[in-house]
Amino acid sequence: MAIDPVCKMDVNEATAKFTSEYKGKTYYFCAPGCKKLFERDPEAYLKGE
């Protein structure tokens, strides 16, 4: 399971419909809204990763 970097929900990588690539890493999202927020400002959601 991956963790949605925006809302912190668990997301199954095998069935995730929403993904985004950033700096060579794939991120998984629970919904299109989370993906959109992440893509607008990825660094805001990756602080402390």
C-alpha atoms as a PDB file:
ATOM      1  CA  MET A   1       0.000   0.000   0.000  1.00  0.00           C
ATOM      2  CA  ALA A   2       1.077   3.522  -0.770  1.00  0.00           C
ATOM      3  CA  ILE A   3       0.062   6.623   1.148  1.00  0.00           C
ATOM      4  CA  ASP A   4      -1.646   9.483  -0.677  1.00  0.00           C
ATOM      5  CA  PRO A   5       0.736  12.402   0.028  1.00  0.00           C
ATOM      6  CA  VAL A   6      -2.155  14.879   0.154  1.00  0.00           C
ATOM      7  CA  CYS A   7      -4.764  13.264   2.427  1.00  0.00           C
ATOM      8  CA  LYS A   8      -2.607  10.451   3.893  1.00  0.00           C
ATOM      9  CA  MET A   9      -5.098   7.692   2.948  1.00  0.00           C
ATOM     10  CA  ASP A  10      -3.833   4.212   2.079  1.00  0.00           C
ATOM     11  CA  VAL A  11      -3.927   3.560  -1.676  1.00  0.00           C
ATOM     12  CA  ASN A  12      -3.446   0.168  -3.322  1.00  0.00           C
ATOM     13  CA  GLU A  13      -0.769   0.640  -6.002  1.00  0.00           C
ATOM     14  CA  ALA A  14      -2.158  -2.238  -8.074  1.00  0.00           C
ATOM     15  CA  THR A  15      -5.598  -0.676  -8.444  1.00  0.00           C
ATOM     16  CA  ALA A  16      -4.899   3.057  -8.095  1.00  0.00           C
ATOM     17  CA  LYS A  17      -6.590   5.078 -10.831  1.00  0.00           C
ATOM     18  CA  PHE A  18      -4.734   8.293 -10.063  1.00  0.00           C
ATOM     19  CA  THR A  19      -0.934   8.503 -10.178  1.00  0.00           C
ATOM     20  CA  SER A  20       1.677  11.158 -10.792  1.00  0.00           C
ATOM     21  CA  GLU A  21       5.405  11.048 -11.482  1.00  0.00           C
ATOM     22  CA  TYR A  22       7.632  13.530  -9.671  1.00  0.00           C
ATOM     23  CA  LYS A  23      11.439  13.498  -9.606  1.00  0.00           C
ATOM     24  CA  GLY A  24      11.502   9.884 -10.810  1.00  0.00           C
ATOM     25  CA  LYS A  25       9.061   8.571  -8.203  1.00  0.00           C
ATOM     26  CA  THR A  26       5.448   7.515  -8.670  1.00  0.00           C
ATOM     27  CA  TYR A  27       2.895   8.854  -6.206  1.00  0.00           C
ATOM     28  CA  TYR A  28      -0.566   7.336  -5.778  1.00  0.00           C
ATOM     29  CA  PHE A  29      -3.792   9.177  -5.005  1.00  0.00           C
ATOM     30  CA  CYS A  30      -7.239   8.215  -3.733  1.00  0.00           C
ATOM     31  CA  ALA A  31      -9.080  10.751  -5.891  1.00  0.00           C
ATOM     32  CA  PRO A  32      -8.516  13.202  -8.767  1.00  0.00           C
ATOM     33  CA  GLY A  33      -8.716  16.168  -6.399  1.00  0.00           C
ATOM     34  CA  CYS A  34      -5.721  14.951  -4.405  1.00  0.00           C
ATOM     35  CA  LYS A  35      -3.746  14.363  -7.599  1.00  0.00           C
ATOM     36  CA  LYS A  36      -4.571  17.866  -8.835  1.00  0.00           C
ATOM     37  CA  LEU A  37      -3.518  19.505  -5.552  1.00  0.00           C
ATOM     38  CA  PHE A  38      -0.256  17.537  -5.521  1.00  0.00           C
ATOM     39  CA  GLU A  39       0.600  18.442  -9.112  1.00  0.00           C
ATOM     40  CA  ARG A  40      -0.004  22.128  -8.395  1.00  0.00           C
ATOM     41  CA  ASP A  41       2.696  22.176  -5.663  1.00  0.00           C
ATOM     42  CA  PRO A  42       4.369  18.790  -5.009  1.00  0.00           C
ATOM     43  CA  GLU A  43       6.975  20.155  -2.620  1.00  0.00           C
ATOM     44  CA  ALA A  44       4.266  21.396  -0.246  1.00  0.00           C
ATOM     45  CA  TYR A  45       3.116  17.797   0.258  1.00  0.00           C
ATOM     46  CA  LEU A  46       6.553  16.176   0.357  1.00  0.00           C
ATOM     47  CA  LYS A  47       8.032  18.170   3.237  1.00  0.00           C
ATOM     48  CA  GLY A  48       9.367  15.773   5.839  1.00  0.00           C
ATOM     49  CA  GLU A  49       9.294  12.762   3.524  1.00  0.00           C
END
